[in-house]
Protein backbone atom coordinates (compact mmCIF):
# COMPACT_ATOMS: atom_id res chain seq x y z
CA MET A 1 112.95 -290.95 72.82
CA THR A 2 114.70 -288.68 75.34
CA HIS A 3 117.75 -286.63 74.52
CA ARG A 4 119.63 -288.03 77.53
CA GLY A 5 122.22 -290.74 77.15
CA SER A 6 124.19 -291.19 73.95
CA ARG A 7 122.84 -291.19 70.42
CA VAL A 8 124.53 -291.41 67.06
CA VAL A 9 122.46 -290.36 64.06
CA HIS A 10 123.67 -291.31 60.58
CA VAL A 11 122.10 -289.73 57.50
CA GLY A 12 123.15 -292.09 54.74
CA GLY A 13 122.31 -289.81 51.81
CA LEU A 14 121.61 -286.09 51.96
CA SER A 15 118.68 -285.02 49.83
CA ARG A 16 118.30 -281.89 47.67
CA VAL A 17 122.00 -281.04 47.49
CA GLU A 18 124.36 -281.27 44.53
CA GLY A 19 126.35 -284.50 44.88
CA GLU A 20 126.58 -287.23 47.48
CA GLY A 21 127.37 -286.87 51.16
CA THR A 22 126.35 -288.14 54.57
CA LEU A 23 126.08 -286.78 58.07
CA ARG A 24 127.24 -288.21 61.37
CA LEU A 25 125.87 -286.63 64.54
CA ARG A 26 126.68 -287.73 68.08
CA VAL A 27 124.86 -286.48 71.18
CA ASP A 28 126.16 -287.38 74.65
CA GLU A 29 124.05 -286.49 77.67
CA GLY A 30 122.28 -283.73 75.81
CA ARG A 31 125.47 -282.23 74.35
CA VAL A 32 126.48 -282.35 70.68
CA THR A 33 129.97 -283.83 70.59
CA ILE A 34 130.30 -284.66 66.88
CA ALA A 35 128.66 -282.98 63.86
CA GLN A 36 130.42 -284.28 60.79
CA LEU A 37 129.51 -283.68 57.16
CA ARG A 38 131.06 -286.53 55.24
CA ILE A 39 131.79 -285.99 51.56
CA TYR A 40 132.41 -289.42 50.14
CA GLU A 41 132.02 -288.97 46.40
CA PRO A 42 134.77 -290.61 44.34
CA PRO A 43 137.81 -288.34 44.03
CA ARG A 44 137.71 -285.75 41.26
CA PHE A 45 140.87 -285.81 39.15
CA PHE A 46 140.62 -282.33 37.64
CA GLU A 47 143.74 -280.90 39.24
CA ALA A 48 145.70 -283.98 38.19
CA PHE A 49 144.58 -284.31 34.59
CA LEU A 50 144.92 -280.58 33.88
CA ARG A 51 148.67 -281.13 34.13
CA GLY A 52 150.18 -281.52 30.68
CA ARG A 53 147.27 -279.81 28.89
CA ALA A 54 147.58 -276.69 26.75
CA HIS A 55 146.94 -273.34 28.42
CA THR A 56 143.84 -272.91 26.26
CA GLU A 57 142.13 -275.97 27.71
CA PRO A 58 141.36 -275.28 31.42
CA PRO A 59 138.19 -273.21 30.75
CA ASP A 60 136.55 -276.06 28.83
CA ILE A 61 137.83 -278.84 31.10
CA THR A 62 137.00 -277.21 34.43
CA SER A 63 133.50 -276.25 33.30
CA ARG A 64 132.71 -279.96 33.63
CA VAL A 65 133.39 -279.83 37.38
CA CYS A 66 129.75 -278.84 37.90
CA GLY A 67 126.66 -278.80 35.70
CA ILE A 68 125.05 -276.15 37.93
CA CYS A 69 127.82 -273.55 37.90
CA PRO A 70 130.06 -274.23 34.87
CA VAL A 71 130.43 -270.52 34.11
CA ALA A 72 132.08 -269.92 37.48
CA TYR A 73 134.76 -272.47 36.65
CA GLN A 74 135.23 -271.11 33.14
CA MET A 75 135.61 -267.53 34.34
CA SER A 76 138.01 -268.36 37.18
CA ALA A 77 140.09 -270.51 34.83
CA CYS A 78 140.19 -267.79 32.17
CA LYS A 79 141.26 -265.16 34.67
CA ALA A 80 143.99 -267.37 36.13
CA VAL A 81 145.50 -268.34 32.77
CA GLU A 82 145.23 -264.78 31.45
CA ASP A 83 146.95 -263.56 34.61
CA ALA A 84 149.81 -266.01 33.99
CA CYS A 85 150.08 -264.76 30.41
CA GLY A 86 149.93 -261.07 31.34
CA VAL A 87 146.61 -260.37 29.60
CA THR A 88 143.65 -258.41 30.99
CA VAL A 89 140.25 -258.53 29.27
CA THR A 90 138.41 -255.20 29.39
CA GLY A 91 135.61 -253.27 27.70
CA SER A 92 132.73 -255.01 25.95
CA LEU A 93 134.28 -258.46 26.34
CA ALA A 94 134.53 -258.03 30.10
CA ALA A 95 130.92 -256.80 30.16
CA LEU A 96 129.81 -259.88 28.18
CA ARG A 97 131.55 -262.13 30.69
CA ARG A 98 129.76 -260.41 33.55
CA LEU A 99 126.45 -260.75 31.70
CA LEU A 100 127.09 -264.47 31.21
CA TYR A 101 127.88 -264.80 34.92
CA CYS A 102 124.62 -263.00 35.78
CA GLY A 103 122.80 -265.67 33.79
CA GLU A 104 124.37 -268.41 35.88
CA TRP A 105 123.56 -266.58 39.13
CA ILE A 106 119.93 -266.21 38.07
CA GLU A 107 119.39 -269.84 37.14
CA SER A 108 121.46 -271.39 39.95
CA GLN A 109 120.16 -269.23 42.80
CA THR A 110 116.57 -269.66 41.61
CA LEU A 111 117.00 -273.42 41.36
CA HIS A 112 118.13 -273.54 44.97
CA ILE A 113 115.42 -271.19 46.26
CA TYR A 114 112.45 -272.91 44.65
CA LEU A 115 113.39 -276.55 44.14
CA LEU A 116 115.84 -277.31 46.95
CA HIS A 117 115.34 -274.92 49.86
CA ALA A 118 111.74 -273.64 49.91
CA PRO A 119 110.26 -277.10 50.67
CA ASP A 120 112.08 -276.98 54.04
CA PHE A 121 110.22 -273.83 55.08
CA LEU A 122 106.83 -274.94 53.78
CA GLY A 123 106.96 -278.46 55.23
CA TYR A 124 107.24 -280.54 52.07
CA PRO A 125 109.64 -283.40 51.38
CA ASP A 126 110.42 -282.18 47.86
CA ALA A 127 109.53 -279.59 45.23
CA ILE A 128 107.18 -281.94 43.34
CA THR A 129 105.02 -282.37 46.42
CA MET A 130 105.22 -278.64 47.13
CA ALA A 131 104.04 -277.82 43.60
CA ARG A 132 100.69 -279.51 44.24
CA ARG A 133 99.81 -276.72 46.69
CA HIS A 134 102.10 -273.97 45.38
CA ARG A 135 101.91 -274.42 41.64
CA ALA A 136 101.93 -270.70 40.83
CA ASP A 137 105.00 -270.17 42.99
CA VAL A 138 106.93 -273.03 41.41
CA GLU A 139 105.97 -271.87 37.91
CA ARG A 140 107.24 -268.40 38.79
CA GLY A 141 110.56 -269.91 39.86
CA LEU A 142 110.82 -271.89 36.63
CA ARG A 143 110.22 -268.74 34.58
CA ILE A 144 113.06 -266.94 36.34
CA LYS A 145 115.38 -269.91 35.94
CA GLN A 146 114.56 -270.14 32.24
CA ALA A 147 115.48 -266.46 31.84
CA GLY A 148 118.89 -267.18 33.36
CA ASN A 149 119.28 -270.20 31.10
CA ALA A 150 118.47 -267.99 28.11
CA ILE A 151 121.42 -265.70 28.90
CA VAL A 152 123.80 -268.64 29.26
CA GLU A 153 122.53 -270.24 26.07
CA LEU A 154 122.81 -267.04 24.01
CA LEU A 155 126.32 -266.12 25.18
CA GLY A 156 127.63 -269.59 25.98
CA GLY A 157 126.28 -271.52 23.03
CA ARG A 158 124.17 -273.83 25.18
CA ALA A 159 122.53 -273.69 28.59
CA ILE A 160 124.50 -276.56 30.17
CA HIS A 161 128.30 -276.65 29.97
CA PRO A 162 128.57 -273.65 27.61
CA VAL A 163 131.08 -273.97 24.76
CA ASN A 164 131.44 -270.39 23.47
CA VAL A 165 133.85 -269.20 26.18
CA ARG A 166 137.57 -269.07 25.41
CA LEU A 167 140.69 -267.37 26.68
CA GLY A 168 140.52 -263.67 25.89
CA GLY A 169 136.74 -263.63 25.44
CA PHE A 170 134.42 -265.69 23.26
CA HIS A 171 134.49 -267.67 20.03
CA ARG A 172 131.60 -265.51 18.86
CA ALA A 173 130.33 -262.24 20.32
CA PRO A 174 126.67 -261.28 19.82
CA ASP A 175 125.50 -258.17 18.01
CA ARG A 176 123.56 -255.60 19.98
CA ALA A 177 120.40 -256.67 18.12
CA ASP A 178 120.86 -260.24 19.37
CA LEU A 179 120.38 -259.07 22.96
CA ALA A 180 117.21 -257.01 22.43
CA PRO A 181 114.70 -259.91 22.62
CA LEU A 182 116.47 -261.14 25.76
CA ALA A 183 115.99 -257.81 27.55
CA GLU A 184 112.20 -257.98 27.46
CA ARG A 185 112.27 -261.48 28.91
CA LEU A 186 114.58 -260.33 31.70
CA ARG A 187 112.30 -257.43 32.59
CA ARG A 188 109.43 -259.86 33.12
CA ALA A 189 111.71 -262.13 35.15
CA ARG A 190 112.72 -259.18 37.31
CA GLU A 191 109.10 -258.65 38.30
CA ASP A 192 108.91 -262.36 39.18
CA ALA A 193 112.11 -261.99 41.21
CA LEU A 194 110.66 -259.12 43.23
CA ARG A 195 107.61 -261.27 43.99
CA THR A 196 110.02 -264.05 45.00
CA VAL A 197 111.60 -261.80 47.63
CA GLU A 198 108.14 -260.99 49.00
CA TRP A 199 107.21 -264.69 49.04
CA VAL A 200 110.38 -265.82 50.78
CA ALA A 201 110.17 -262.97 53.30
CA GLY A 202 106.99 -264.58 54.62
CA PHE A 203 108.76 -267.81 55.62
CA ASP A 204 109.34 -268.65 59.27
CA PHE A 205 113.07 -268.29 59.95
CA PRO A 206 114.48 -270.00 63.04
CA ASP A 207 116.85 -267.94 65.15
CA ALA A 208 120.47 -268.84 64.41
CA GLY A 209 123.85 -267.24 64.03
CA CYS A 210 127.23 -267.86 62.47
CA ASP A 211 130.43 -267.20 64.40
CA ALA A 212 132.72 -267.53 61.40
CA GLN A 213 134.75 -265.06 59.44
CA LEU A 214 133.04 -263.99 56.23
CA LEU A 215 135.16 -264.12 53.06
CA ALA A 216 134.11 -262.61 49.74
CA LEU A 217 135.53 -260.69 46.82
CA ALA A 218 134.98 -256.94 46.77
CA GLU A 219 135.11 -254.35 44.00
CA PRO A 220 134.69 -250.64 44.73
CA GLY A 221 131.48 -249.34 43.27
CA ARG A 222 129.75 -252.58 42.35
CA TYR A 223 128.59 -255.89 43.78
CA ALA A 224 131.43 -258.36 43.17
CA ILE A 225 130.58 -261.25 40.84
CA ASP A 226 133.32 -261.85 38.31
CA GLY A 227 136.38 -260.59 40.19
CA GLY A 228 137.68 -258.49 43.02
CA THR A 229 139.94 -258.46 46.06
CA PRO A 230 139.56 -261.08 48.82
CA THR A 231 137.94 -259.29 51.76
CA VAL A 232 137.37 -260.62 55.27
CA MET A 233 134.82 -259.53 57.85
CA PRO A 234 135.86 -260.86 61.28
CA ALA A 235 133.81 -263.34 63.28
CA PRO A 236 131.47 -261.59 65.72
CA GLY A 237 132.90 -263.58 68.63
CA SER A 238 136.30 -262.01 68.02
CA ALA A 239 134.72 -258.62 68.69
CA GLY A 240 132.75 -259.76 71.73
CA LEU A 241 129.47 -259.97 69.81
CA THR A 242 127.02 -262.85 69.62
CA PRO A 243 126.97 -265.04 66.45
CA ASP A 244 123.60 -263.59 65.43
CA SER A 245 124.79 -259.98 65.63
CA THR A 246 123.69 -257.84 62.68
CA ARG A 247 126.50 -255.32 63.14
CA ALA A 248 129.06 -255.01 60.35
CA LEU A 249 132.68 -255.16 61.52
CA PRO A 250 135.70 -253.47 59.90
CA THR A 251 136.98 -255.55 57.01
CA ARG A 252 140.50 -256.36 55.92
CA THR A 253 141.81 -257.39 52.52
CA PHE A 254 144.70 -259.36 51.12
CA PRO A 255 146.04 -259.69 47.56
CA LEU A 256 144.75 -262.61 45.52
CA ARG A 257 148.35 -263.78 45.06
CA ASP A 258 148.42 -264.46 48.83
CA PHE A 259 145.19 -266.50 48.86
CA GLU A 260 146.90 -269.81 49.61
CA HIS A 261 148.87 -268.24 52.48
CA HIS A 262 145.59 -267.28 54.17
CA VAL A 263 143.24 -270.10 53.12
CA ILE A 264 144.95 -273.34 54.12
CA GLU A 265 143.62 -276.69 52.90
CA GLN A 266 144.21 -280.00 54.66
CA PRO A 267 142.82 -283.52 54.22
CA LEU A 268 140.75 -285.27 56.86
CA PRO A 269 140.10 -289.02 56.90
CA HIS A 270 136.32 -288.89 56.49
CA SER A 271 136.09 -286.55 53.49
CA THR A 272 137.27 -286.31 49.90
CA ALA A 273 136.93 -282.53 50.27
CA LEU A 274 139.94 -280.71 51.64
CA TYR A 275 139.00 -278.78 54.77
CA SER A 276 139.92 -275.10 54.68
CA SER A 277 140.70 -272.57 57.38
CA LEU A 278 141.23 -268.83 57.05
CA ASP A 279 144.22 -267.63 59.07
CA GLY A 280 143.62 -270.55 61.43
CA GLY A 281 139.89 -269.89 62.00
CA LEU A 282 136.48 -270.81 60.61
CA HIS A 283 135.29 -268.93 57.59
CA LEU A 284 132.18 -268.86 55.44
CA THR A 285 131.93 -267.79 51.83
CA GLY A 286 128.77 -267.35 49.78
CA CYS A 287 125.75 -265.08 49.75
CA LEU A 288 125.88 -264.09 53.45
CA ALA A 289 129.54 -263.10 53.03
CA ARG A 290 128.87 -261.19 49.82
CA TYR A 291 125.94 -259.33 51.37
CA ALA A 292 128.04 -258.38 54.40
CA VAL A 293 131.08 -257.27 52.40
CA SER A 294 129.44 -255.67 49.33
CA GLY A 295 125.77 -255.22 50.17
CA ARG A 296 126.00 -251.44 49.91
CA TRP A 297 126.80 -251.82 46.20
CA LEU A 298 123.57 -253.60 45.33
CA SER A 299 121.37 -251.81 42.80
CA PRO A 300 118.75 -249.42 44.24
CA LEU A 301 115.96 -251.85 43.34
CA ALA A 302 117.70 -254.75 45.10
CA LEU A 303 118.42 -252.59 48.15
CA GLN A 304 114.78 -251.57 48.28
CA ALA A 305 113.70 -255.23 48.07
CA ALA A 306 116.13 -256.21 50.84
CA HIS A 307 114.88 -253.48 53.14
CA ALA A 308 111.22 -254.30 52.49
CA ALA A 309 111.94 -257.98 53.21
CA GLY A 310 113.38 -257.21 56.65
CA LEU A 311 117.07 -257.62 55.87
CA GLY A 312 117.83 -254.04 56.81
CA ASP A 313 120.03 -251.59 54.95
CA PRO A 314 123.62 -252.78 54.34
CA ARG A 315 124.59 -249.17 53.60
CA ALA A 316 123.91 -248.51 57.29
CA GLY A 317 126.17 -251.38 58.36
CA VAL A 318 123.51 -254.09 58.72
CA VAL A 319 124.58 -257.65 57.89
CA CYS A 320 122.82 -261.02 58.03
CA ARG A 321 124.53 -263.89 59.84
CA ASN A 322 121.54 -266.21 60.14
CA PRO A 323 122.13 -269.10 57.69
CA PHE A 324 118.39 -269.86 57.61
CA ARG A 325 117.84 -266.42 56.08
CA SER A 326 120.33 -267.13 53.30
CA ILE A 327 117.39 -268.03 51.05
CA LEU A 328 116.20 -264.43 51.41
CA VAL A 329 119.63 -263.02 50.59
CA ARG A 330 119.77 -265.26 47.51
CA ALA A 331 116.40 -263.93 46.39
CA VAL A 332 117.72 -260.37 46.66
CA GLU A 333 120.82 -261.40 44.69
CA VAL A 334 118.57 -262.69 41.89
CA VAL A 335 116.90 -259.27 41.71
CA TYR A 336 120.34 -257.70 41.50
CA ALA A 337 121.57 -260.12 38.82
CA LEU A 338 118.54 -259.38 36.65
CA ASP A 339 118.97 -255.63 37.21
CA GLU A 340 122.66 -255.87 36.36
CA ALA A 341 122.00 -257.99 33.27
CA LEU A 342 119.56 -255.39 31.95
CA ARG A 343 122.08 -252.60 32.63
CA LEU A 344 124.80 -254.48 30.76
CA ILE A 345 122.52 -255.15 27.78
CA ASP A 346 121.48 -251.50 27.61
CA ALA A 347 125.12 -250.31 27.61
CA TYR A 348 126.49 -253.03 25.31
CA GLU A 349 128.45 -252.20 22.18
CA SER A 350 129.76 -255.00 19.97
CA PRO A 351 133.52 -255.49 20.44
CA PRO A 352 135.86 -255.16 17.44
CA ALA A 353 136.80 -258.84 17.86
CA PRO A 354 135.24 -261.66 19.91
CA ALA A 355 138.48 -262.26 21.81
CA VAL A 356 141.91 -260.79 22.46
CA SER A 357 145.05 -262.84 21.93
CA VAL A 358 146.46 -264.72 24.92
CA PRO A 359 149.90 -265.99 23.84
CA PRO A 360 151.56 -268.46 26.20
CA ARG A 361 154.46 -267.69 28.48
CA ALA A 362 156.07 -269.25 31.54
CA GLY A 363 154.63 -268.18 34.87
CA SER A 364 151.91 -268.58 37.47
CA GLY A 365 148.49 -266.97 37.42
CA ARG A 366 145.53 -266.71 39.75
CA GLY A 367 141.87 -266.04 39.21
CA ALA A 368 138.87 -265.83 41.53
CA THR A 369 135.18 -265.19 40.98
CA GLU A 370 132.02 -265.46 43.06
CA ALA A 371 130.21 -268.67 42.19
CA PRO A 372 126.62 -268.72 43.49
CA ARG A 373 127.88 -270.78 46.44
CA GLY A 374 130.88 -268.54 47.14
CA LEU A 375 134.44 -267.61 46.28
CA LEU A 376 136.07 -269.92 43.72
CA TYR A 377 139.86 -269.75 43.34
CA HIS A 378 142.07 -271.15 40.55
CA ARG A 379 145.85 -271.13 40.17
CA TYR A 380 147.84 -272.44 37.21
CA ARG A 381 151.56 -272.71 36.57
CA LEU A 382 152.54 -272.69 32.89
CA ALA A 383 155.66 -273.69 31.02
CA ALA A 384 157.03 -271.41 28.30
CA ASP A 385 154.98 -273.18 25.62
CA GLY A 386 151.79 -272.83 27.69
CA THR A 387 151.69 -276.38 29.03
CA VAL A 388 150.00 -276.55 32.43
CA THR A 389 152.47 -277.93 34.96
CA ARG A 390 150.36 -277.41 38.08
CA ALA A 391 146.71 -276.65 38.83
CA VAL A 392 145.01 -275.72 42.12
CA LEU A 393 141.22 -275.40 42.41
CA VAL A 394 139.68 -274.27 45.71
CA PRO A 395 135.86 -274.51 45.51
CA PRO A 396 133.50 -272.75 47.92
CA THR A 397 131.88 -275.84 49.46
CA ALA A 398 135.25 -277.22 50.52
CA GLN A 399 135.99 -273.88 52.18
CA ASN A 400 132.60 -273.90 53.91
CA GLN A 401 132.70 -277.42 55.31
CA TYR A 402 134.07 -276.44 58.73
CA ALA A 403 131.53 -273.61 59.03
CA ILE A 404 128.67 -275.92 57.97
CA GLU A 405 129.62 -278.41 60.68
CA ASP A 406 129.85 -275.59 63.24
CA HIS A 407 126.40 -274.38 62.20
CA LEU A 408 125.03 -277.92 62.48
CA GLY A 409 126.33 -278.27 66.02
CA ARG A 410 124.92 -274.91 67.07
CA VAL A 411 121.47 -275.53 65.56
CA VAL A 412 121.07 -278.99 67.07
CA GLN A 413 122.41 -277.89 70.46
CA ALA A 414 120.05 -274.92 70.58
CA ARG A 415 117.13 -277.18 69.74
CA LEU A 416 118.08 -279.72 72.41
CA ASP A 417 118.50 -276.98 75.01
CA SER A 418 115.05 -275.61 74.21
CA LEU A 419 113.57 -279.05 74.87
CA SER A 420 115.27 -279.56 78.23
CA GLY A 421 113.00 -281.55 80.50
CA SER A 422 110.83 -282.81 77.65
CA ASP A 423 111.01 -286.00 75.62
CA GLY A 424 113.42 -284.32 73.19
CA LEU A 425 113.76 -284.95 69.48
CA ASP A 426 113.37 -288.33 67.92
CA ASP A 427 115.90 -289.38 65.31
CA ASP A 428 113.70 -288.49 62.32
CA GLU A 429 113.17 -284.94 63.62
CA LEU A 430 116.87 -284.64 64.30
CA ARG A 431 117.72 -285.82 60.80
CA LEU A 432 115.35 -283.35 59.17
CA LEU A 433 116.73 -280.50 61.27
CA CYS A 434 120.28 -281.38 60.26
CA GLU A 435 119.49 -281.69 56.56
CA ARG A 436 117.72 -278.37 56.66
CA ALA A 437 120.74 -276.73 58.28
CA ILE A 438 123.05 -278.16 55.60
CA ARG A 439 120.81 -276.97 52.77
CA ASN A 440 121.06 -273.43 54.14
CA HIS A 441 124.50 -273.35 52.54
CA ASP A 442 123.54 -274.90 49.17
CA PRO A 443 126.59 -277.16 49.22
CA CYS A 444 127.87 -278.45 45.91
CA ILE A 445 129.46 -281.66 47.12
CA SER A 446 130.52 -282.69 43.62
CA CYS A 447 132.50 -279.46 43.24
CA ALA A 448 134.21 -279.97 46.60
CA THR A 449 135.81 -283.33 45.98
CA HIS A 450 139.52 -283.54 45.22
CA PHE A 451 142.15 -286.10 44.36
CA LEU A 452 144.77 -286.42 47.09
CA ASP A 453 148.28 -287.71 46.64
CA LEU A 454 148.18 -291.35 47.73
CA THR A 455 150.91 -293.35 49.40
CA VAL A 456 150.38 -297.12 49.84
CA GLU A 457 152.55 -299.13 52.19
CA ARG A 458 152.26 -302.91 51.91
CA HIS A 459 153.58 -305.35 54.47
């Protein structure tokens, strides 16, 4: 089939992503005119049914938004409610929270690398088929993921939807001796993670770029995971650079309290995710943004792995804007998370109490953390007795939807241009290319869905 004339390609169900979505692609006379990621899951009512709940409840309720990254929702919710109540968690309790978050990063990023994304690069339809030829690789990935699960289970009470997290800290804090057996397991997983970086570095990465602003949290002196200041690296096109430029640009920051003035959400007819823009332009959050904004704060071992894998040295101002190489950045982040987890365990001292008191008061609070898929923002307004009167959740996939569609259009257009004068792509090849481009961003479609205010007019 030629690429001339008009074609509309519908992908009725995207595979190997979290949740349900479809794709609509339209090509007219060799030009991509529509690239539309449609999120059609039933609306999620979390923002609505948080209203009227006690201020202690959002961490447990919002953790059910996603079975892959419940810790991200718990931590963002805790920070937002604690901010409203004027409480800051520090010391050993803050370190335990960061350790718990490392566990989620390890298991979630590894899940995506091995079971969802690697089959695209190795030419397999799924991880089960891939395991027939790459059994040792898949087993290595499962070992790393199990190590991450072990952290979440120990600190969270169970590996899925942990129940030990509460405002002010935990229901129960471990003793130092409880963490010792975990450390040895993490050291073995770290060796597996280094081999993962080497394995992924051997994949064939198509040339691609991203002309979107990069948004991530930043903390001086360490790679931001569980907090920080929203930081923006401009789009390369705004500086006259190509989308695949590896040059870091000067960043700017804004206070978290101004997040909703900069990141604007709006509904579109085809999606139950609210589309987001950053100061009126495209933006991307996630591992590429984190690596660009905070890469220089990776641990020495992770920096060494990144350099050996061909990502360059972020301390010298090198960034990665190729979404296909995001799998490599994720692999480096797993090395960092394991390194950081071991550092936290080594420095851990049991806190005097498992939690600090968070008494209710009237006010608004905000919290943001770096979920594996990107910046996750929560805001809650509380009455004097702690009742939640308003809740706002802005997940990373909803923020990324515009940038994913832009990436889709660029990838397909580049492919069509390279085939000019030939028979072009047939619809199956086009579909596979599009799905692969979407999986670069590890979208959590379930997390992205919202409930919109609904007005019905009957005549």
